[in-house]
């Protein structure tokens, strides 16, 4: 192919700037046209996109005690726990925690992550054996100062991700937290 031809393919070592769209080198860290720091621009844009961290129902038989009770009652307790678990739906994203409760009538509770001050992870022995735990979220929201999420699978990595997302949401929204002395 002739390098001077008008229909030549663009060089593979260039890409469009995510901020202004001008062609820049693929390895560029800063756009020479708009002066934007490319990594910071992409990170800022991606922070505004809500991603799901956990979606589903809490585990019905999340502890050894519940398993034992289900066995002793010949499965009746397991059915009760399964119905109660299906009545609660959790959606934890990078920006909020949404809890829907109820079988026929539903109520929904949303807590924005920037409002969460403290995340407590409890892993009693019976839950730890099954890989579940209790996440307690303490927030500045007056209607829901504390939320307990029982039977969350893989709670330790989820708690760490929630903490990171909470800090990122505060920074993104420009919220400062003042500690009392």
Protein backbone atom coordinates (compact mmCIF):
# COMPACT_ATOMS: atom_id res chain seq x y z
CA UNK A 1 0.00 0.00 0.00
CA UNK A 2 1.29 3.42 -0.91
CA UNK A 3 2.11 5.47 2.26
CA UNK A 4 0.96 8.68 0.56
CA UNK A 5 -2.39 7.24 -0.63
CA UNK A 6 -5.40 9.17 0.70
CA UNK A 7 -7.24 6.01 1.73
CA UNK A 8 -4.43 4.58 3.83
CA UNK A 9 -5.41 2.91 7.09
CA UNK A 10 -4.66 4.90 10.25
CA UNK A 11 -1.53 3.94 12.13
CA UNK A 12 -2.05 1.26 14.73
CA UNK A 13 0.15 3.22 17.12
CA UNK A 14 -2.48 5.99 17.48
CA UNK A 15 -5.79 6.17 19.29
CA UNK A 16 -8.40 8.89 19.80
CA UNK A 17 -8.12 10.97 22.97
CA UNK A 18 -10.99 9.96 25.33
CA UNK A 19 -11.50 13.62 26.28
CA UNK A 20 -11.35 15.50 22.97
CA UNK A 21 -11.26 12.76 20.29
CA UNK A 22 -8.10 13.98 18.55
CA UNK A 23 -5.67 11.27 17.37
CA UNK A 24 -2.80 10.75 19.81
CA UNK A 25 -0.15 8.10 20.29
CA UNK A 26 -1.39 4.87 21.83
CA UNK A 27 1.26 5.06 24.57
CA UNK A 28 0.46 8.69 25.44
CA UNK A 29 -0.22 9.56 29.07
CA UNK A 30 -1.36 13.12 28.34
CA UNK A 31 -3.21 14.54 25.32
CA UNK A 32 -1.14 17.05 23.37
CA UNK A 33 -4.28 18.82 22.15
CA UNK A 34 -6.41 19.28 25.27
CA UNK A 35 -3.73 18.62 27.92
CA UNK A 36 -5.89 16.06 29.74
CA UNK A 37 -4.21 13.40 31.90
CA UNK A 38 -5.61 10.28 30.20
CA UNK A 39 -5.45 7.86 33.14
CA UNK A 40 -7.11 10.34 35.49
CA UNK A 41 -9.79 11.18 32.91
CA UNK A 42 -10.68 7.53 32.31
CA UNK A 43 -10.66 6.75 36.06
CA UNK A 44 -12.94 9.73 36.77
CA UNK A 45 -15.34 8.71 34.00
CA UNK A 46 -15.39 5.07 35.16
CA UNK A 47 -16.02 6.10 38.80
CA UNK A 48 -19.35 7.57 37.78
CA UNK A 49 -20.48 4.25 36.29
CA UNK A 50 -22.38 2.08 38.75
CA UNK A 51 -21.21 -1.55 38.79
CA UNK A 52 -22.78 -4.44 40.67
CA UNK A 53 -20.65 -6.01 43.41
CA UNK A 54 -23.28 -8.47 44.71
CA UNK A 55 -26.80 -9.21 43.60
CA UNK A 56 -29.05 -11.90 44.97
CA UNK A 57 -30.64 -13.26 48.10
CA UNK A 58 -28.91 -13.93 51.40
CA UNK A 59 -28.18 -17.60 52.03
CA UNK A 60 -31.11 -19.41 53.60
CA UNK A 61 -28.95 -21.84 55.59
CA UNK A 62 -26.02 -19.55 56.31
CA UNK A 63 -24.88 -21.09 59.60
CA UNK A 64 -24.26 -24.50 61.09
CA UNK A 65 -27.00 -23.78 63.66
CA UNK A 66 -29.57 -23.28 60.91
CA UNK A 67 -28.45 -26.48 59.21
CA UNK A 68 -28.79 -28.37 62.50
CA UNK A 69 -32.27 -26.95 63.10
CA UNK A 70 -33.29 -27.88 59.54
CA UNK A 71 -32.14 -31.47 60.12
CA UNK A 72 -33.85 -31.77 63.52
CA UNK A 73 -37.17 -30.43 62.17
CA UNK A 74 -36.96 -32.74 59.12
CA UNK A 75 -36.64 -29.85 56.70
CA UNK A 76 -39.48 -27.65 57.96
CA UNK A 77 -37.04 -25.03 59.26
CA UNK A 78 -35.21 -25.14 55.91
CA UNK A 79 -38.44 -24.29 54.10
CA UNK A 80 -39.13 -21.40 56.48
CA UNK A 81 -35.57 -20.10 56.08
CA UNK A 82 -35.76 -20.44 52.28
CA UNK A 83 -39.00 -18.43 52.12
CA UNK A 84 -37.50 -15.76 54.39
CA UNK A 85 -34.38 -15.65 52.22
CA UNK A 86 -36.43 -15.28 49.03
CA UNK A 87 -38.32 -12.42 50.68
CA UNK A 88 -35.10 -10.40 50.86
CA UNK A 89 -33.18 -9.31 47.80
CA UNK A 90 -29.83 -7.52 48.05
CA UNK A 91 -28.16 -5.43 45.40
CA UNK A 92 -24.80 -3.97 46.35
CA UNK A 93 -23.20 -1.71 43.76
CA UNK A 94 -20.27 0.67 43.67
CA UNK A 95 -22.62 3.54 44.60
CA UNK A 96 -25.41 2.16 46.80
CA UNK A 97 -26.85 -0.72 48.81
CA UNK A 98 -30.41 -1.60 47.86
CA UNK A 99 -32.50 -3.95 49.99
CA UNK A 100 -35.93 -5.15 48.91
CA UNK A 101 -38.05 -6.98 51.45
CA UNK A 102 -41.38 -8.76 51.26
CA UNK A 103 -43.06 -11.59 49.38
CA UNK A 104 -46.29 -10.00 48.19
CA UNK A 105 -45.94 -6.38 49.26
CA UNK A 106 -42.44 -5.09 48.70
CA UNK A 107 -40.52 -2.33 50.39
CA UNK A 108 -37.22 -0.99 49.13
CA UNK A 109 -34.45 0.71 51.06
CA UNK A 110 -31.53 2.48 49.38
CA UNK A 111 -28.40 3.59 51.19
CA UNK A 112 -25.88 5.64 49.25
CA UNK A 113 -22.32 4.45 49.85
CA UNK A 114 -21.01 7.95 50.51
CA UNK A 115 -23.16 7.95 53.66
CA UNK A 116 -21.59 4.78 55.09
CA UNK A 117 -19.20 5.59 57.93
CA UNK A 118 -18.33 2.17 59.26
CA UNK A 119 -18.43 -1.41 58.00
CA UNK A 120 -18.34 -4.18 60.59
CA UNK A 121 -17.77 -7.77 59.53
CA UNK A 122 -18.86 -10.51 61.94
CA UNK A 123 -18.01 -14.09 61.10
CA UNK A 124 -19.25 -16.39 63.87
CA UNK A 125 -17.77 -19.88 63.80
CA UNK A 126 -20.88 -21.54 62.35
CA UNK A 127 -21.10 -19.02 59.52
CA UNK A 128 -17.38 -19.02 58.86
CA UNK A 129 -17.48 -22.79 58.27
CA UNK A 130 -19.97 -22.21 55.44
CA UNK A 131 -18.25 -19.12 54.00
CA UNK A 132 -20.90 -16.62 55.11
CA UNK A 133 -20.96 -13.68 57.48
CA UNK A 134 -22.82 -10.66 58.79
CA UNK A 135 -22.08 -7.20 57.38
CA UNK A 136 -23.19 -4.31 59.56
CA UNK A 137 -23.21 -0.95 57.79
CA UNK A 138 -23.37 2.17 59.95
CA UNK A 139 -24.38 5.30 58.11
CA UNK A 140 -25.22 8.96 58.55
CA UNK A 141 -28.67 8.31 57.06
CA UNK A 142 -31.18 9.19 59.78
CA UNK A 143 -33.81 6.72 58.55
CA UNK A 144 -31.33 3.81 58.51
CA UNK A 145 -28.44 4.43 60.87
CA UNK A 146 -27.51 0.73 60.93
CA UNK A 147 -28.17 -2.07 58.45
CA UNK A 148 -27.37 -5.73 59.10
CA UNK A 149 -26.93 -8.00 56.12
CA UNK A 150 -27.11 -11.64 57.27
CA UNK A 151 -25.89 -14.59 55.25
CA UNK A 152 -23.77 -12.69 52.75
CA UNK A 153 -21.49 -15.10 50.87
CA UNK A 154 -17.80 -14.15 50.70
CA UNK A 155 -18.17 -11.27 53.16
CA UNK A 156 -14.49 -10.30 53.66
CA UNK A 157 -13.71 -9.30 50.04
CA UNK A 158 -17.13 -7.68 49.74
CA UNK A 159 -16.55 -5.61 52.90
CA UNK A 160 -13.19 -4.43 51.55
CA UNK A 161 -14.71 -3.48 48.18
CA UNK A 162 -17.52 -1.61 49.97
CA UNK A 163 -14.98 0.35 51.99
CA UNK A 164 -13.01 1.27 48.85
CA UNK A 165 -16.17 2.25 46.97
CA UNK A 166 -17.41 4.31 49.92
CA UNK A 167 -14.17 6.30 49.98
CA UNK A 168 -14.23 6.71 46.19
CA UNK A 169 -17.86 7.93 46.25
CA UNK A 170 -17.01 10.54 48.89
CA UNK A 171 -14.09 11.78 46.80
CA UNK A 172 -16.19 11.79 43.63
CA UNK A 173 -18.94 13.83 45.28
CA UNK A 174 -16.49 16.12 47.10
CA UNK A 175 -17.74 15.17 50.58
CA UNK A 176 -15.44 15.80 53.54
CA UNK A 177 -15.81 13.82 56.76
CA UNK A 178 -15.05 15.62 59.99
CA UNK A 179 -13.89 13.50 62.91
CA UNK A 180 -14.85 14.55 66.42
CA UNK A 181 -11.92 15.05 68.77
